[in-house]
């Protein structure tokens, strides 16, 4: 997993971001699908996802509590119809990105 350190606003402690293997596999599939139409759009979207994720340590509770997990520490970052669930571990100062999927595909 890639690890990034950020200073958490207000708390004065470093928050680490871990992206799970599942996130990378799902992201790769999304990027390949979008790139069939436009490689440039795929790169722009990937950059937007990265920016949103890298900003999580500054306001980790900004996004809604996940409706897909019963764990209160899991939140859903939503961007352009994609849901990126992440788990906040305040004790260890880690935010773990659990995956990514298209919102419409998750509702059955």
Protein backbone atom coordinates (compact mmCIF):
# COMPACT_ATOMS: atom_id res chain seq x y z
CA UNK A 1 0.00 0.00 0.00
CA UNK A 2 1.14 3.53 -0.70
CA UNK A 3 1.47 5.68 2.38
CA UNK A 4 1.22 9.44 2.59
CA UNK A 5 1.72 11.60 5.65
CA UNK A 6 -0.29 14.77 6.19
CA UNK A 7 -0.68 17.21 9.03
CA UNK A 8 -4.21 16.95 10.36
CA UNK A 9 -5.76 20.38 10.87
CA UNK A 10 -6.63 21.29 14.43
CA UNK A 11 -5.26 18.03 15.84
CA UNK A 12 -1.60 18.77 15.21
CA UNK A 13 -0.75 15.15 14.45
CA UNK A 14 0.29 13.32 11.30
CA UNK A 15 -2.36 11.29 9.52
CA UNK A 16 -1.22 8.54 7.20
CA UNK A 17 -3.25 7.51 4.16
CA UNK A 18 -3.20 3.85 3.14
CA UNK A 19 -4.83 2.82 -0.12
CA UNK A 20 -5.91 -0.83 -0.07
CA UNK A 21 -5.10 -3.27 -2.85
CA UNK A 22 -8.84 -3.54 -3.54
CA UNK A 23 -8.92 0.23 -4.16
CA UNK A 24 -6.09 -0.04 -6.70
CA UNK A 25 -7.73 -2.98 -8.53
CA UNK A 26 -11.10 -1.22 -8.71
CA UNK A 27 -9.49 2.08 -9.74
CA UNK A 28 -7.53 0.34 -12.50
CA UNK A 29 -10.73 -1.17 -13.92
CA UNK A 30 -12.46 2.23 -13.86
CA UNK A 31 -9.50 3.95 -15.54
CA UNK A 32 -9.29 1.29 -18.27
CA UNK A 33 -13.01 1.63 -18.98
CA UNK A 34 -12.90 5.44 -19.21
CA UNK A 35 -9.68 5.37 -21.26
CA UNK A 36 -11.49 3.41 -23.98
CA UNK A 37 -13.35 6.63 -24.68
CA UNK A 38 -10.78 9.22 -23.61
CA UNK A 39 -7.36 8.60 -22.10
CA UNK A 40 -7.15 12.26 -21.08
CA UNK A 41 -10.46 12.11 -19.18
CA UNK A 42 -9.26 9.01 -17.34
CA UNK A 43 -6.08 10.83 -16.24
CA UNK A 44 -8.03 13.91 -15.13
CA UNK A 45 -10.46 11.81 -13.09
CA UNK A 46 -7.60 9.88 -11.47
CA UNK A 47 -5.98 13.17 -10.53
CA UNK A 48 -9.25 14.41 -9.01
CA UNK A 49 -9.61 11.22 -6.96
CA UNK A 50 -6.03 11.56 -5.71
CA UNK A 51 -6.58 15.19 -4.73
CA UNK A 52 -9.77 14.39 -2.79
CA UNK A 53 -8.09 11.48 -0.99
CA UNK A 54 -4.96 13.45 -0.16
CA UNK A 55 -7.11 16.14 1.47
CA UNK A 56 -8.91 13.68 3.79
CA UNK A 57 -6.53 14.16 6.75
CA UNK A 58 -7.43 17.85 6.95
CA UNK A 59 -11.15 17.12 7.53
CA UNK A 60 -11.65 13.34 7.82
CA UNK A 61 -15.22 13.66 9.16
CA UNK A 62 -16.34 15.96 6.33
CA UNK A 63 -18.00 13.14 4.38
CA UNK A 64 -21.09 11.20 5.39
CA UNK A 65 -21.02 8.09 7.52
CA UNK A 66 -21.01 5.10 5.20
CA UNK A 67 -24.38 3.60 4.38
CA UNK A 68 -22.63 0.40 3.23
CA UNK A 69 -20.74 -0.37 6.47
CA UNK A 70 -22.04 -0.62 10.03
CA UNK A 71 -18.71 0.62 11.41
CA UNK A 72 -19.12 4.23 12.59
CA UNK A 73 -15.54 5.05 11.62
CA UNK A 74 -16.14 4.33 7.92
CA UNK A 75 -17.09 7.32 5.76
CA UNK A 76 -18.11 7.66 2.09
CA UNK A 77 -16.31 10.20 -0.06
CA UNK A 78 -18.46 10.80 -3.14
CA UNK A 79 -17.05 12.35 -6.30
CA UNK A 80 -18.68 12.44 -9.75
CA UNK A 81 -20.89 9.44 -9.03
CA UNK A 82 -18.12 7.32 -7.50
CA UNK A 83 -18.10 6.25 -3.85
CA UNK A 84 -14.75 5.93 -2.09
CA UNK A 85 -15.26 4.39 1.37
CA UNK A 86 -12.51 5.02 3.90
CA UNK A 87 -11.91 4.06 7.51
CA UNK A 88 -10.60 6.53 10.09
CA UNK A 89 -8.33 5.09 12.78
CA UNK A 90 -7.71 8.02 15.14
CA UNK A 91 -5.74 5.91 17.62
CA UNK A 92 -3.09 5.04 15.02
CA UNK A 93 -3.57 8.21 12.89
CA UNK A 94 -4.37 6.22 9.76
CA UNK A 95 -7.00 6.68 7.08
CA UNK A 96 -7.48 3.54 5.00
CA UNK A 97 -9.11 3.86 1.57
CA UNK A 98 -11.13 0.67 1.25
CA UNK A 99 -12.22 0.73 -2.40
CA UNK A 100 -13.98 2.67 -5.13
CA UNK A 101 -17.10 1.95 -7.12
CA UNK A 102 -19.74 3.63 -9.22
CA UNK A 103 -22.68 4.68 -7.05
CA UNK A 104 -25.36 3.25 -9.36
CA UNK A 105 -23.65 -0.14 -9.41
CA UNK A 106 -23.80 -0.41 -5.62
CA UNK A 107 -27.59 -0.10 -5.33
CA UNK A 108 -29.54 -3.27 -5.98
